[in-house]
Amino acid sequence: MTKITYEVVEHDGGWAYRVEGVMSETFPSHDAARKAAERAAREQGIPGEETGISYEDKDGRWRDEISPGNDRPETDVKG
């Protein structure tokens, strides 16, 4: 199972959470950023429906896959 960590960090004069190198919007306080990270982490664990997805890989090639919707990652919040 994949594990994804949401990390609360100082960002752009406030606080944000970072997931796999991607920053969220900026929040005015650490507490607000942590609550948003916890909410996002919970939502990511909710199963969905099977669906087709398209994405560009690190080499610039487009990929098409089927996401089964029940393969949700384990999540964690730090900071």
N, C-alpha and C. Protein backbone atom coordinates (compact mmCIF):
# COMPACT_ATOMS: atom_id res chain seq x y z
N MET A 1 0.84 -1.18 0.00
CA MET A 1 0.00 0.00 0.00
C MET A 1 0.89 1.24 0.00
N THR A 2 0.49 2.23 -0.73
CA THR A 2 1.20 3.50 -0.80
C THR A 2 0.93 4.32 0.45
N LYS A 3 1.96 5.02 0.93
CA LYS A 3 1.78 5.92 2.06
C LYS A 3 2.12 7.33 1.61
N ILE A 4 1.24 8.27 1.91
CA ILE A 4 1.43 9.66 1.55
C ILE A 4 1.43 10.50 2.82
N THR A 5 2.45 11.36 2.96
CA THR A 5 2.57 12.20 4.13
C THR A 5 2.28 13.65 3.76
N TYR A 6 1.38 14.27 4.50
CA TYR A 6 1.08 15.70 4.40
C TYR A 6 1.93 16.38 5.46
N GLU A 7 2.79 17.31 5.06
CA GLU A 7 3.70 17.96 5.98
C GLU A 7 3.35 19.45 6.10
N VAL A 8 3.08 19.92 7.31
CA VAL A 8 2.75 21.33 7.54
C VAL A 8 4.06 22.11 7.65
N VAL A 9 4.18 23.17 6.82
CA VAL A 9 5.42 23.95 6.75
C VAL A 9 5.10 25.44 6.63
N GLU A 10 6.07 26.27 7.03
CA GLU A 10 5.94 27.71 6.79
C GLU A 10 6.03 27.96 5.30
N HIS A 11 5.18 28.89 4.81
CA HIS A 11 5.17 29.14 3.37
C HIS A 11 4.57 30.50 3.07
N ASP A 12 5.28 31.30 2.32
CA ASP A 12 4.77 32.56 1.77
C ASP A 12 4.13 33.46 2.84
N GLY A 13 4.80 33.61 3.97
CA GLY A 13 4.31 34.48 5.03
C GLY A 13 3.24 33.87 5.91
N GLY A 14 2.99 32.60 5.75
CA GLY A 14 1.98 31.91 6.56
C GLY A 14 2.35 30.45 6.68
N TRP A 15 1.36 29.59 6.59
CA TRP A 15 1.56 28.15 6.72
C TRP A 15 0.82 27.43 5.60
N ALA A 16 1.36 26.28 5.20
CA ALA A 16 0.75 25.46 4.16
C ALA A 16 1.07 24.01 4.46
N TYR A 17 0.48 23.13 3.67
CA TYR A 17 0.92 21.73 3.75
C TYR A 17 1.50 21.34 2.40
N ARG A 18 2.45 20.43 2.46
CA ARG A 18 3.16 19.97 1.26
C ARG A 18 2.93 18.47 1.13
N VAL A 19 2.61 18.06 -0.09
CA VAL A 19 2.41 16.64 -0.40
C VAL A 19 3.23 16.31 -1.63
N GLU A 20 4.20 15.42 -1.46
CA GLU A 20 5.06 15.00 -2.57
C GLU A 20 5.60 16.19 -3.35
N GLY A 21 6.05 17.23 -2.62
CA GLY A 21 6.66 18.40 -3.24
C GLY A 21 5.70 19.46 -3.72
N VAL A 22 4.41 19.24 -3.61
CA VAL A 22 3.41 20.21 -4.07
C VAL A 22 2.82 20.93 -2.85
N MET A 23 2.80 22.28 -2.91
CA MET A 23 2.31 23.09 -1.80
C MET A 23 0.82 23.39 -1.95
N SER A 24 0.15 23.44 -0.82
CA SER A 24 -1.25 23.87 -0.79
C SER A 24 -1.30 25.39 -0.84
N GLU A 25 -2.49 25.93 -0.75
CA GLU A 25 -2.64 27.37 -0.57
C GLU A 25 -2.07 27.75 0.80
N THR A 26 -1.83 29.03 1.01
CA THR A 26 -1.28 29.51 2.27
C THR A 26 -2.41 29.78 3.26
N PHE A 27 -2.19 29.38 4.51
CA PHE A 27 -3.15 29.59 5.59
C PHE A 27 -2.55 30.56 6.59
N PRO A 28 -3.37 31.31 7.33
CA PRO A 28 -2.84 32.32 8.25
C PRO A 28 -2.18 31.75 9.51
N SER A 29 -2.48 30.50 9.85
CA SER A 29 -1.91 29.91 11.06
C SER A 29 -1.52 28.46 10.84
N HIS A 30 -0.64 27.98 11.71
CA HIS A 30 -0.23 26.57 11.68
C HIS A 30 -1.45 25.69 11.91
N ASP A 31 -2.30 26.06 12.86
CA ASP A 31 -3.48 25.27 13.19
C ASP A 31 -4.42 25.14 11.98
N ALA A 32 -4.62 26.23 11.27
CA ALA A 32 -5.51 26.19 10.09
C ALA A 32 -4.92 25.29 9.00
N ALA A 33 -3.60 25.37 8.79
CA ALA A 33 -2.95 24.53 7.78
C ALA A 33 -3.01 23.07 8.18
N ARG A 34 -2.81 22.78 9.46
CA ARG A 34 -2.87 21.38 9.93
C ARG A 34 -4.28 20.82 9.78
N LYS A 35 -5.29 21.60 10.14
CA LYS A 35 -6.68 21.13 9.98
C LYS A 35 -7.00 20.85 8.51
N ALA A 36 -6.52 21.71 7.62
CA ALA A 36 -6.75 21.51 6.19
C ALA A 36 -6.02 20.24 5.71
N ALA A 37 -4.80 20.02 6.20
CA ALA A 37 -4.04 18.83 5.82
C ALA A 37 -4.74 17.57 6.33
N GLU A 38 -5.23 17.61 7.56
CA GLU A 38 -5.94 16.46 8.12
C GLU A 38 -7.21 16.16 7.32
N ARG A 39 -7.93 17.20 6.93
CA ARG A 39 -9.15 17.02 6.13
C ARG A 39 -8.82 16.41 4.77
N ALA A 40 -7.78 16.94 4.11
CA ALA A 40 -7.37 16.42 2.80
C ALA A 40 -6.91 14.96 2.91
N ALA A 41 -6.18 14.65 3.97
CA ALA A 41 -5.70 13.28 4.16
C ALA A 41 -6.88 12.32 4.37
N ARG A 42 -7.86 12.73 5.16
CA ARG A 42 -9.06 11.90 5.36
C ARG A 42 -9.80 11.66 4.04
N GLU A 43 -9.99 12.75 3.29
CA GLU A 43 -10.72 12.65 2.02
C GLU A 43 -10.00 11.76 1.02
N GLN A 44 -8.68 11.76 1.05
CA GLN A 44 -7.93 10.94 0.11
C GLN A 44 -8.13 9.45 0.39
N GLY A 45 -8.50 9.12 1.61
CA GLY A 45 -8.71 7.73 1.98
C GLY A 45 -10.10 7.19 1.66
N ILE A 46 -10.99 8.05 1.17
CA ILE A 46 -12.35 7.62 0.88
C ILE A 46 -12.39 6.91 -0.47
N PRO A 47 -12.88 5.68 -0.50
CA PRO A 47 -12.96 4.96 -1.78
C PRO A 47 -13.91 5.66 -2.75
N GLY A 48 -13.64 5.47 -4.01
CA GLY A 48 -14.48 6.06 -5.05
C GLY A 48 -14.91 4.99 -6.04
N GLU A 49 -15.33 5.43 -7.19
CA GLU A 49 -15.75 4.51 -8.25
C GLU A 49 -14.60 4.26 -9.21
N GLU A 50 -14.65 3.14 -9.89
CA GLU A 50 -13.67 2.85 -10.94
C GLU A 50 -13.81 3.92 -12.01
N THR A 51 -12.67 4.43 -12.47
CA THR A 51 -12.70 5.48 -13.48
C THR A 51 -11.42 5.46 -14.31
N GLY A 52 -11.50 5.97 -15.49
CA GLY A 52 -10.33 6.12 -16.34
C GLY A 52 -9.58 7.40 -15.99
N ILE A 53 -8.27 7.33 -15.99
CA ILE A 53 -7.45 8.52 -15.74
C ILE A 53 -6.38 8.65 -16.81
N SER A 54 -6.01 9.89 -17.10
CA SER A 54 -4.92 10.20 -18.02
C SER A 54 -3.96 11.11 -17.29
N TYR A 55 -2.65 10.86 -17.44
CA TYR A 55 -1.66 11.70 -16.80
C TYR A 55 -0.38 11.70 -17.61
N GLU A 56 0.41 12.75 -17.39
CA GLU A 56 1.70 12.86 -18.04
C GLU A 56 2.78 12.37 -17.08
N ASP A 57 3.60 11.42 -17.51
CA ASP A 57 4.63 10.88 -16.62
C ASP A 57 5.85 11.80 -16.60
N LYS A 58 6.84 11.45 -15.79
CA LYS A 58 8.03 12.29 -15.63
C LYS A 58 8.83 12.46 -16.90
N ASP A 59 8.63 11.57 -17.89
CA ASP A 59 9.34 11.66 -19.17
C ASP A 59 8.53 12.39 -20.23
N GLY A 60 7.39 12.95 -19.84
CA GLY A 60 6.58 13.73 -20.76
C GLY A 60 5.64 12.91 -21.63
N ARG A 61 5.47 11.62 -21.32
CA ARG A 61 4.56 10.77 -22.09
C ARG A 61 3.20 10.70 -21.39
N TRP A 62 2.15 10.70 -22.17
CA TRP A 62 0.80 10.60 -21.61
C TRP A 62 0.44 9.13 -21.43
N ARG A 63 -0.16 8.84 -20.29
CA ARG A 63 -0.56 7.47 -19.93
C ARG A 63 -2.06 7.44 -19.65
N ASP A 64 -2.68 6.36 -20.02
CA ASP A 64 -4.10 6.12 -19.71
C ASP A 64 -4.17 4.86 -18.87
N GLU A 65 -4.90 4.94 -17.76
CA GLU A 65 -5.06 3.81 -16.86
C GLU A 65 -6.47 3.77 -16.32
N ILE A 66 -6.80 2.65 -15.73
CA ILE A 66 -8.06 2.52 -15.00
C ILE A 66 -7.72 2.55 -13.51
N SER A 67 -8.37 3.45 -12.78
CA SER A 67 -8.21 3.51 -11.34
C SER A 67 -9.39 2.78 -10.72
N PRO A 68 -9.13 1.71 -9.95
CA PRO A 68 -10.24 0.91 -9.42
C PRO A 68 -11.06 1.62 -8.35
N GLY A 69 -10.56 2.70 -7.76
CA GLY A 69 -11.32 3.44 -6.78
C GLY A 69 -11.24 2.90 -5.36
N ASN A 70 -10.77 1.69 -5.19
CA ASN A 70 -10.67 1.12 -3.85
C ASN A 70 -9.21 0.99 -3.40
N ASP A 71 -8.29 1.49 -4.18
CA ASP A 71 -6.85 1.36 -3.87
C ASP A 71 -6.33 2.65 -3.21
N ARG A 72 -6.97 3.05 -2.13
CA ARG A 72 -6.64 4.30 -1.47
C ARG A 72 -5.34 4.17 -0.66
N PRO A 73 -4.53 5.23 -0.63
CA PRO A 73 -3.27 5.18 0.10
C PRO A 73 -3.47 5.36 1.61
N GLU A 74 -2.47 4.95 2.36
CA GLU A 74 -2.40 5.27 3.78
C GLU A 74 -1.89 6.71 3.87
N THR A 75 -2.46 7.53 4.74
CA THR A 75 -2.03 8.92 4.86
C THR A 75 -1.59 9.24 6.27
N ASP A 76 -0.76 10.28 6.36
CA ASP A 76 -0.21 10.73 7.64
C ASP A 76 -0.02 12.24 7.55
N VAL A 77 -0.14 12.94 8.68
CA VAL A 77 0.10 14.38 8.75
C VAL A 77 1.21 14.63 9.76
N LYS A 78 2.22 15.39 9.33
CA LYS A 78 3.33 15.75 10.22
C LYS A 78 3.44 17.27 10.31
N GLY A 79 3.89 17.73 11.46
CA GLY A 79 4.13 19.16 11.64
C GLY A 79 2.99 19.88 12.28
